[in-house]
Amino acid sequence: MPAEQRKWPRKVVPADGCLYGLGGELIGPCRLVDVSAGGAKLQYSSHNELPTEFFLLLSRNGQVRRRCRSIWREQDHIGVSFVESTAA
């Protein structure tokens, strides 16, 4: 079995979430499968095309959210990296 190649260890944290476009448009519900400091694995059952970047919201009020960039997609799972916020 090959050694772990990830930069950050992943932690299994099952949680419901929702994906939104950068302009605030609803993309759809998802499920957080695991997470690390640099990204996450999401379960997203829709076959609709995803934008390259979007927001992952993990709270109803939107205060717990991360900007994500889609890295890979396989069936109903998506690998994302977290995009750093740039302060103005």
PDB file of N, CA and C in Angstrom:
ATOM      1  N   MET A   1       0.846  -1.170   0.000  1.00  0.00           N
ATOM      2  CA  MET A   1       0.000   0.000   0.000  1.00  0.00           C
ATOM      3  C   MET A   1       0.900   1.244   0.000  1.00  0.00           C
ATOM      4  N   PRO A   2       0.661   2.222  -0.908  1.00  0.00           N
ATOM      5  CA  PRO A   2       1.515   3.404  -0.978  1.00  0.00           C
ATOM      6  C   PRO A   2       1.335   4.287   0.257  1.00  0.00           C
ATOM      7  N   ALA A   3       2.388   5.029   0.585  1.00  0.00           N
ATOM      8  CA  ALA A   3       2.348   5.947   1.721  1.00  0.00           C
ATOM      9  C   ALA A   3       1.424   7.126   1.400  1.00  0.00           C
ATOM     10  N   GLU A   4       0.876   7.716   2.442  1.00  0.00           N
ATOM     11  CA  GLU A   4       0.003   8.886   2.296  1.00  0.00           C
ATOM     12  C   GLU A   4       0.758  10.015   1.601  1.00  0.00           C
ATOM     13  N   GLN A   5       0.171  10.601   0.561  1.00  0.00           N
ATOM     14  CA  GLN A   5       0.816  11.644  -0.221  1.00  0.00           C
ATOM     15  C   GLN A   5       0.260  13.035   0.064  1.00  0.00           C
ATOM     16  N   ARG A   6      -0.793  13.131   0.859  1.00  0.00           N
ATOM     17  CA  ARG A   6      -1.419  14.430   1.092  1.00  0.00           C
ATOM     18  C   ARG A   6      -0.536  15.323   1.954  1.00  0.00           C
ATOM     19  N   LYS A   7      -0.641  16.622   1.703  1.00  0.00           N
ATOM     20  CA  LYS A   7       0.124  17.605   2.458  1.00  0.00           C
ATOM     21  C   LYS A   7      -0.405  17.724   3.887  1.00  0.00           C
ATOM     22  N   TRP A   8      -1.734  17.636   4.061  1.00  0.00           N
ATOM     23  CA  TRP A   8      -2.367  17.739   5.371  1.00  0.00           C
ATOM     24  C   TRP A   8      -3.189  16.483   5.632  1.00  0.00           C
ATOM     25  N   PRO A   9      -3.190  15.997   6.866  1.00  0.00           N
ATOM     26  CA  PRO A   9      -4.013  14.821   7.181  1.00  0.00           C
ATOM     27  C   PRO A   9      -5.506  15.154   7.088  1.00  0.00           C
ATOM     28  N   ARG A  10      -6.271  14.181   6.643  1.00  0.00           N
ATOM     29  CA  ARG A  10      -7.724  14.345   6.525  1.00  0.00           C
ATOM     30  C   ARG A  10      -8.408  13.821   7.768  1.00  0.00           C
ATOM     31  N   LYS A  11      -9.520  14.455   8.106  1.00  0.00           N
ATOM     32  CA  LYS A  11     -10.319  14.036   9.246  1.00  0.00           C
ATOM     33  C   LYS A  11     -11.742  13.792   8.748  1.00  0.00           C
ATOM     34  N   VAL A  12     -12.298  12.640   9.070  1.00  0.00           N
ATOM     35  CA  VAL A  12     -13.673  12.328   8.677  1.00  0.00           C
ATOM     36  C   VAL A  12     -14.603  13.174   9.540  1.00  0.00           C
ATOM     37  N   VAL A  13     -15.378  14.017   8.868  1.00  0.00           N
ATOM     38  CA  VAL A  13     -16.301  14.920   9.555  1.00  0.00           C
ATOM     39  C   VAL A  13     -17.590  14.972   8.747  1.00  0.00           C
ATOM     40  N   PRO A  14     -18.452  13.974   8.891  1.00  0.00           N
ATOM     41  CA  PRO A  14     -19.687  14.002   8.116  1.00  0.00           C
ATOM     42  C   PRO A  14     -20.580  15.165   8.553  1.00  0.00           C
ATOM     43  N   ALA A  15     -20.946  16.005   7.587  1.00  0.00           N
ATOM     44  CA  ALA A  15     -21.800  17.156   7.873  1.00  0.00           C
ATOM     45  C   ALA A  15     -22.527  17.550   6.602  1.00  0.00           C
ATOM     46  N   ASP A  16     -23.728  18.043   6.747  1.00  0.00           N
ATOM     47  CA  ASP A  16     -24.474  18.547   5.603  1.00  0.00           C
ATOM     48  C   ASP A  16     -24.005  19.955   5.268  1.00  0.00           C
ATOM     49  N   GLY A  17     -23.982  20.258   3.989  1.00  0.00           N
ATOM     50  CA  GLY A  17     -23.575  21.581   3.536  1.00  0.00           C
ATOM     51  C   GLY A  17     -24.366  21.982   2.313  1.00  0.00           C
ATOM     52  N   CYS A  18     -24.035  23.131   1.792  1.00  0.00           N
ATOM     53  CA  CYS A  18     -24.706  23.631   0.600  1.00  0.00           C
ATOM     54  C   CYS A  18     -23.684  24.391  -0.238  1.00  0.00           C
ATOM     55  N   LEU A  19     -23.780  24.244  -1.541  1.00  0.00           N
ATOM     56  CA  LEU A  19     -22.865  24.905  -2.463  1.00  0.00           C
ATOM     57  C   LEU A  19     -23.550  26.116  -3.074  1.00  0.00           C
ATOM     58  N   TYR A  20     -22.823  27.228  -3.124  1.00  0.00           N
ATOM     59  CA  TYR A  20     -23.304  28.469  -3.719  1.00  0.00           C
ATOM     60  C   TYR A  20     -22.255  28.995  -4.682  1.00  0.00           C
ATOM     61  N   GLY A  21     -22.714  29.597  -5.766  1.00  0.00           N
ATOM     62  CA  GLY A  21     -21.816  30.238  -6.712  1.00  0.00           C
ATOM     63  C   GLY A  21     -21.206  31.479  -6.095  1.00  0.00           C
ATOM     64  N   LEU A  22     -20.172  32.002  -6.704  1.00  0.00           N
ATOM     65  CA  LEU A  22     -19.500  33.194  -6.186  1.00  0.00           C
ATOM     66  C   LEU A  22     -20.408  34.413  -6.202  1.00  0.00           C
ATOM     67  N   GLY A  23     -21.441  34.387  -7.038  1.00  0.00           N
ATOM     68  CA  GLY A  23     -22.406  35.480  -7.093  1.00  0.00           C
ATOM     69  C   GLY A  23     -23.584  35.294  -6.152  1.00  0.00           C
ATOM     70  N   GLY A  24     -23.559  34.224  -5.351  1.00  0.00           N
ATOM     71  CA  GLY A  24     -24.613  33.987  -4.374  1.00  0.00           C
ATOM     72  C   GLY A  24     -25.715  33.060  -4.832  1.00  0.00           C
ATOM     73  N   GLU A  25     -25.637  32.542  -6.058  1.00  0.00           N
ATOM     74  CA  GLU A  25     -26.681  31.651  -6.574  1.00  0.00           C
ATOM     75  C   GLU A  25     -26.535  30.250  -5.991  1.00  0.00           C
ATOM     76  N   LEU A  26     -27.661  29.659  -5.628  1.00  0.00           N
ATOM     77  CA  LEU A  26     -27.681  28.311  -5.063  1.00  0.00           C
ATOM     78  C   LEU A  26     -27.282  27.295  -6.123  1.00  0.00           C
ATOM     79  N   ILE A  27     -26.338  26.425  -5.797  1.00  0.00           N
ATOM     80  CA  ILE A  27     -25.958  25.311  -6.670  1.00  0.00           C
ATOM     81  C   ILE A  27     -26.664  24.048  -6.212  1.00  0.00           C
ATOM     82  N   GLY A  28     -26.614  23.767  -4.901  1.00  0.00           N
ATOM     83  CA  GLY A  28     -27.317  22.609  -4.385  1.00  0.00           C
ATOM     84  C   GLY A  28     -26.714  22.073  -3.106  1.00  0.00           C
ATOM     85  N   PRO A  29     -27.415  21.126  -2.476  1.00  0.00           N
ATOM     86  CA  PRO A  29     -26.927  20.537  -1.226  1.00  0.00           C
ATOM     87  C   PRO A  29     -25.782  19.564  -1.479  1.00  0.00           C
ATOM     88  N   CYS A  30     -24.965  19.365  -0.450  1.00  0.00           N
ATOM     89  CA  CYS A  30     -23.866  18.415  -0.520  1.00  0.00           C
ATOM     90  C   CYS A  30     -23.651  17.836   0.873  1.00  0.00           C
ATOM     91  N   ARG A  31     -22.721  16.920   0.954  1.00  0.00           N
ATOM     92  CA  ARG A  31     -22.352  16.311   2.240  1.00  0.00           C
ATOM     93  C   ARG A  31     -20.832  16.344   2.331  1.00  0.00           C
ATOM     94  N   LEU A  32     -20.326  16.873   3.427  1.00  0.00           N
ATOM     95  CA  LEU A  32     -18.900  16.876   3.684  1.00  0.00           C
ATOM     96  C   LEU A  32     -18.505  15.470   4.116  1.00  0.00           C
ATOM     97  N   VAL A  33     -17.540  14.870   3.435  1.00  0.00           N
ATOM     98  CA  VAL A  33     -17.093  13.516   3.744  1.00  0.00           C
ATOM     99  C   VAL A  33     -15.876  13.566   4.663  1.00  0.00           C
ATOM    100  N   ASP A  34     -14.860  14.320   4.243  1.00  0.00           N
ATOM    101  CA  ASP A  34     -13.691  14.533   5.087  1.00  0.00           C
ATOM    102  C   ASP A  34     -13.093  15.890   4.772  1.00  0.00           C
ATOM    103  N   VAL A  35     -12.211  16.344   5.669  1.00  0.00           N
ATOM    104  CA  VAL A  35     -11.670  17.695   5.536  1.00  0.00           C
ATOM    105  C   VAL A  35     -10.246  17.734   6.059  1.00  0.00           C
ATOM    106  N   SER A  36      -9.450  18.651   5.505  1.00  0.00           N
ATOM    107  CA  SER A  36      -8.100  18.920   5.992  1.00  0.00           C
ATOM    108  C   SER A  36      -7.925  20.434   5.994  1.00  0.00           C
ATOM    109  N   ALA A  37      -6.764  20.887   6.383  1.00  0.00           N
ATOM    110  CA  ALA A  37      -6.500  22.323   6.387  1.00  0.00           C
ATOM    111  C   ALA A  37      -6.538  22.911   4.978  1.00  0.00           C
ATOM    112  N   GLY A  38      -6.275  22.085   3.968  1.00  0.00           N
ATOM    113  CA  GLY A  38      -6.187  22.601   2.610  1.00  0.00           C
ATOM    114  C   GLY A  38      -7.327  22.256   1.689  1.00  0.00           C
ATOM    115  N   GLY A  39      -8.242  21.367   2.113  1.00  0.00           N
ATOM    116  CA  GLY A  39      -9.318  20.989   1.210  1.00  0.00           C
ATOM    117  C   GLY A  39     -10.272  19.998   1.829  1.00  0.00           C
ATOM    118  N   ALA A  40     -11.123  19.447   0.981  1.00  0.00           N
ATOM    119  CA  ALA A  40     -12.155  18.528   1.468  1.00  0.00           C
ATOM    120  C   ALA A  40     -12.605  17.601   0.357  1.00  0.00           C
ATOM    121  N   LYS A  41     -13.282  16.555   0.775  1.00  0.00           N
ATOM    122  CA  LYS A  41     -13.967  15.649  -0.146  1.00  0.00           C
ATOM    123  C   LYS A  41     -15.457  15.825   0.122  1.00  0.00           C
ATOM    124  N   LEU A  42     -16.209  16.109  -0.927  1.00  0.00           N
ATOM    125  CA  LEU A  42     -17.640  16.350  -0.811  1.00  0.00           C
ATOM    126  C   LEU A  42     -18.418  15.293  -1.575  1.00  0.00           C
ATOM    127  N   GLN A  43     -19.584  14.966  -1.086  1.00  0.00           N
ATOM    128  CA  GLN A  43     -20.517  14.129  -1.828  1.00  0.00           C
ATOM    129  C   GLN A  43     -21.558  15.069  -2.408  1.00  0.00           C
ATOM    130  N   TYR A  44     -21.680  15.056  -3.736  1.00  0.00           N
ATOM    131  CA  TYR A  44     -22.600  15.935  -4.454  1.00  0.00           C
ATOM    132  C   TYR A  44     -23.266  15.088  -5.527  1.00  0.00           C
ATOM    133  N   SER A  45     -24.547  14.805  -5.343  1.00  0.00           N
ATOM    134  CA  SER A  45     -25.231  13.835  -6.199  1.00  0.00           C
ATOM    135  C   SER A  45     -25.714  14.383  -7.530  1.00  0.00           C
ATOM    136  N   SER A  46     -25.815  15.687  -7.672  1.00  0.00           N
ATOM    137  CA  SER A  46     -26.306  16.263  -8.921  1.00  0.00           C
ATOM    138  C   SER A  46     -25.282  16.058 -10.032  1.00  0.00           C
ATOM    139  N   HIS A  47     -25.763  15.818 -11.220  1.00  0.00           N
ATOM    140  CA  HIS A  47     -24.873  15.669 -12.373  1.00  0.00           C
ATOM    141  C   HIS A  47     -24.702  16.996 -13.106  1.00  0.00           C
ATOM    142  N   ASN A  48     -25.264  18.069 -12.528  1.00  0.00           N
ATOM    143  CA  ASN A  48     -25.092  19.393 -13.114  1.00  0.00           C
ATOM    144  C   ASN A  48     -23.623  19.798 -13.053  1.00  0.00           C
ATOM    145  N   GLU A  49     -23.209  20.560 -14.027  1.00  0.00           N
ATOM    146  CA  GLU A  49     -21.832  21.039 -14.064  1.00  0.00           C
ATOM    147  C   GLU A  49     -21.607  22.025 -12.926  1.00  0.00           C
ATOM    148  N   LEU A  50     -20.467  21.906 -12.289  1.00  0.00           N
ATOM    149  CA  LEU A  50     -20.086  22.825 -11.219  1.00  0.00           C
ATOM    150  C   LEU A  50     -19.146  23.889 -11.775  1.00  0.00           C
ATOM    151  N   PRO A  51     -19.243  25.112 -11.251  1.00  0.00           N
ATOM    152  CA  PRO A  51     -18.228  26.102 -11.633  1.00  0.00           C
ATOM    153  C   PRO A  51     -16.885  25.690 -11.035  1.00  0.00           C
ATOM    154  N   THR A  52     -15.820  26.236 -11.546  1.00  0.00           N
ATOM    155  CA  THR A  52     -14.491  25.921 -11.031  1.00  0.00           C
ATOM    156  C   THR A  52     -14.349  26.349  -9.574  1.00  0.00           C
ATOM    157  N   GLU A  53     -14.900  27.514  -9.220  1.00  0.00           N
ATOM    158  CA  GLU A  53     -14.844  27.993  -7.843  1.00  0.00           C
ATOM    159  C   GLU A  53     -16.251  28.262  -7.335  1.00  0.00           C
ATOM    160  N   PHE A  54     -16.456  28.000  -6.049  1.00  0.00           N
ATOM    161  CA  PHE A  54     -17.765  28.169  -5.418  1.00  0.00           C
ATOM    162  C   PHE A  54     -17.575  28.225  -3.915  1.00  0.00           C
ATOM    163  N   PHE A  55     -18.651  28.537  -3.194  1.00  0.00           N
ATOM    164  CA  PHE A  55     -18.622  28.558  -1.738  1.00  0.00           C
ATOM    165  C   PHE A  55     -19.268  27.296  -1.189  1.00  0.00           C
ATOM    166  N   LEU A  56     -18.657  26.737  -0.153  1.00  0.00           N
ATOM    167  CA  LEU A  56     -19.211  25.639   0.626  1.00  0.00           C
ATOM    168  C   LEU A  56     -19.693  26.249   1.932  1.00  0.00           C
ATOM    169  N   LEU A  57     -21.001  26.210   2.170  1.00  0.00           N
ATOM    170  CA  LEU A  57     -21.571  26.717   3.411  1.00  0.00           C
ATOM    171  C   LEU A  57     -21.908  25.552   4.309  1.00  0.00           C
ATOM    172  N   LEU A  58     -21.486  25.647   5.566  1.00  0.00           N
ATOM    173  CA  LEU A  58     -21.724  24.585   6.534  1.00  0.00           C
ATOM    174  C   LEU A  58     -22.597  25.054   7.690  1.00  0.00           C
ATOM    175  N   SER A  59     -23.162  26.253   7.581  1.00  0.00           N
ATOM    176  CA  SER A  59     -24.101  26.759   8.579  1.00  0.00           C
ATOM    177  C   SER A  59     -25.248  27.440   7.849  1.00  0.00           C
ATOM    178  N   ARG A  60     -26.408  27.455   8.471  1.00  0.00           N
ATOM    179  CA  ARG A  60     -27.591  28.053   7.830  1.00  0.00           C
ATOM    180  C   ARG A  60     -27.437  29.546   7.589  1.00  0.00           C
ATOM    181  N   ASN A  61     -26.719  30.232   8.479  1.00  0.00           N
ATOM    182  CA  ASN A  61     -26.572  31.677   8.326  1.00  0.00           C
ATOM    183  C   ASN A  61     -25.390  32.061   7.436  1.00  0.00           C
ATOM    184  N   GLY A  62     -24.635  31.083   6.965  1.00  0.00           N
ATOM    185  CA  GLY A  62     -23.530  31.346   6.048  1.00  0.00           C
ATOM    186  C   GLY A  62     -22.253  31.827   6.708  1.00  0.00           C
ATOM    187  N   GLN A  63     -22.214  31.856   8.047  1.00  0.00           N
ATOM    188  CA  GLN A  63     -21.001  32.320   8.718  1.00  0.00           C
ATOM    189  C   GLN A  63     -19.886  31.284   8.683  1.00  0.00           C
ATOM    190  N   VAL A  64     -20.225  30.001   8.563  1.00  0.00           N
ATOM    191  CA  VAL A  64     -19.207  28.949   8.424  1.00  0.00           C
ATOM    192  C   VAL A  64     -19.182  28.568   6.948  1.00  0.00           C
ATOM    193  N   ARG A  65     -18.211  29.127   6.230  1.00  0.00           N
ATOM    194  CA  ARG A  65     -18.114  28.865   4.792  1.00  0.00           C
ATOM    195  C   ARG A  65     -16.669  28.938   4.357  1.00  0.00           C
ATOM    196  N   ARG A  66     -16.408  28.274   3.241  1.00  0.00           N
ATOM    197  CA  ARG A  66     -15.080  28.279   2.639  1.00  0.00           C
ATOM    198  C   ARG A  66     -15.237  28.446   1.137  1.00  0.00           C
ATOM    199  N   ARG A  67     -14.356  29.226   0.566  1.00  0.00           N
ATOM    200  CA  ARG A  67     -14.297  29.323  -0.890  1.00  0.00           C
ATOM    201  C   ARG A  67     -13.494  28.132  -1.370  1.00  0.00           C
ATOM    202  N   CYS A  68     -14.030  27.424  -2.369  1.00  0.00           N
ATOM    203  CA  CYS A  68     -13.417  26.180  -2.844  1.00  0.00           C
ATOM    204  C   CYS A  68     -13.122  26.241  -4.335  1.00  0.00           C
ATOM    205  N   ARG A  69     -12.124  25.466  -4.717  1.00  0.00           N
ATOM    206  CA  ARG A  69     -11.801  25.251  -6.138  1.00  0.00           C
ATOM    207  C   ARG A  69     -11.902  23.753  -6.378  1.00  0.00           C
ATOM    208  N   SER A  70     -12.688  23.376  -7.374  1.00  0.00           N
ATOM    209  CA  SER A  70     -12.856  21.968  -7.718  1.00  0.00           C
ATOM    210  C   SER A  70     -11.559  21.435  -8.316  1.00  0.00           C
ATOM    211  N   ILE A  71     -11.072  20.304  -7.751  1.00  0.00           N
ATOM    212  CA  ILE A  71      -9.826  19.698  -8.205  1.00  0.00           C
ATOM    213  C   ILE A  71     -10.101  18.434  -9.016  1.00  0.00           C
ATOM    214  N   TRP A  72     -11.039  17.612  -8.555  1.00  0.00           N
ATOM    215  CA  TRP A  72     -11.383  16.384  -9.259  1.00  0.00           C
ATOM    216  C   TRP A  72     -12.841  16.041  -8.973  1.00  0.00           C
ATOM    217  N   ARG A  73     -13.406  15.226  -9.839  1.00  0.00           N
ATOM    218  CA  ARG A  73     -14.771  14.739  -9.648  1.00  0.00           C
ATOM    219  C   ARG A  73     -14.844  13.304 -10.140  1.00  0.00           C
ATOM    220  N   GLU A  74     -15.421  12.434  -9.318  1.00  0.00           N
ATOM    221  CA  GLU A  74     -15.576  11.027  -9.662  1.00  0.00           C
ATOM    222  C   GLU A  74     -16.952  10.581  -9.184  1.00  0.00           C
ATOM    223  N   GLN A  75     -17.823  10.259 -10.098  1.00  0.00           N
ATOM    224  CA  GLN A  75     -19.204   9.879  -9.805  1.00  0.00           C
ATOM    225  C   GLN A  75     -19.854  10.958  -8.941  1.00  0.00           C
ATOM    226  N   ASP A  76     -20.212  10.631  -7.692  1.00  0.00           N
ATOM    227  CA  ASP A  76     -20.891  11.637  -6.867  1.00  0.00           C
ATOM    228  C   ASP A  76     -19.982  12.231  -5.785  1.00  0.00           C
ATOM    229  N   HIS A  77     -18.669  12.214  -6.008  1.00  0.00           N
ATOM    230  CA  HIS A  77     -17.729  12.815  -5.072  1.00  0.00           C
ATOM    231  C   HIS A  77     -16.881  13.877  -5.774  1.00  0.00           C
ATOM    232  N   ILE A  78     -16.550  14.928  -5.023  1.00  0.00           N
ATOM    233  CA  ILE A  78     -15.760  16.042  -5.540  1.00  0.00           C
ATOM    234  C   ILE A  78     -14.620  16.307  -4.571  1.00  0.00           C
ATOM    235  N   GLY A  79     -13.424  16.473  -5.093  1.00  0.00           N
ATOM    236  CA  GLY A  79     -12.292  16.912  -4.287  1.00  0.00           C
ATOM    237  C   GLY A  79     -12.096  18.395  -4.500  1.00  0.00           C
ATOM    238  N   VAL A  80     -11.996  19.149  -3.413  1.00  0.00           N
ATOM    239  CA  VAL A  80     -11.828  20.596  -3.518  1.00  0.00           C
ATOM    240  C   VAL A  80     -10.621  21.046  -2.709  1.00  0.00           C
ATOM    241  N   SER A  81     -10.012  22.123  -3.163  1.00  0.00           N
ATOM    242  CA  SER A  81      -8.993  22.801  -2.359  1.00  0.00           C
ATOM    243  C   SER A  81      -9.612  24.102  -1.880  1.00  0.00           C
ATOM    244  N   PHE A  82      -9.208  24.532  -0.690  1.00  0.00           N
ATOM    245  CA  PHE A  82      -9.712  25.791  -0.160  1.00  0.00           C
ATOM    246  C   PHE A  82      -8.903  26.926  -0.738  1.00  0.00           C
ATOM    247  N   VAL A  83      -9.594  27.960  -1.181  1.00  0.00           N
ATOM    248  CA  VAL A  83      -8.978  29.139  -1.772  1.00  0.00           C
ATOM    249  C   VAL A  83      -8.803  30.173  -0.674  1.00  0.00           C
ATOM    250  N   GLU A  84      -7.612  30.694  -0.544  1.00  0.00           N
ATOM    251  CA  GLU A  84      -7.346  31.713   0.469  1.00  0.00           C
ATOM    252  C   GLU A  84      -8.127  32.983   0.150  1.00  0.00           C
ATOM    253  N   SER A  85      -8.690  33.581   1.180  1.00  0.00           N
ATOM    254  CA  SER A  85      -9.367  34.869   1.017  1.00  0.00           C
ATOM    255  C   SER A  85      -8.307  35.947   0.951  1.00  0.00           C
ATOM    256  N   THR A  86      -8.527  36.913   0.077  1.00  0.00           N
ATOM    257  CA  THR A  86      -7.599  38.035  -0.004  1.00  0.00           C
ATOM    258  C   THR A  86      -8.232  39.221   0.690  1.00  0.00           C
ATOM    259  N   ALA A  87      -7.560  39.773   1.639  1.00  0.00           N
ATOM    260  CA  ALA A  87      -8.086  40.937   2.364  1.00  0.00           C
ATOM    261  C   ALA A  87      -7.891  42.190   1.525  1.00  0.00           C
ATOM    262  N   ALA A  88      -8.892  43.066   1.559  1.00  0.00           N
ATOM    263  CA  ALA A  88      -8.813  44.305   0.771  1.00  0.00           C
ATOM    264  C   ALA A  88      -8.047  45.362   1.517  1.00  0.00           C
TER     265      ALA A  88
END
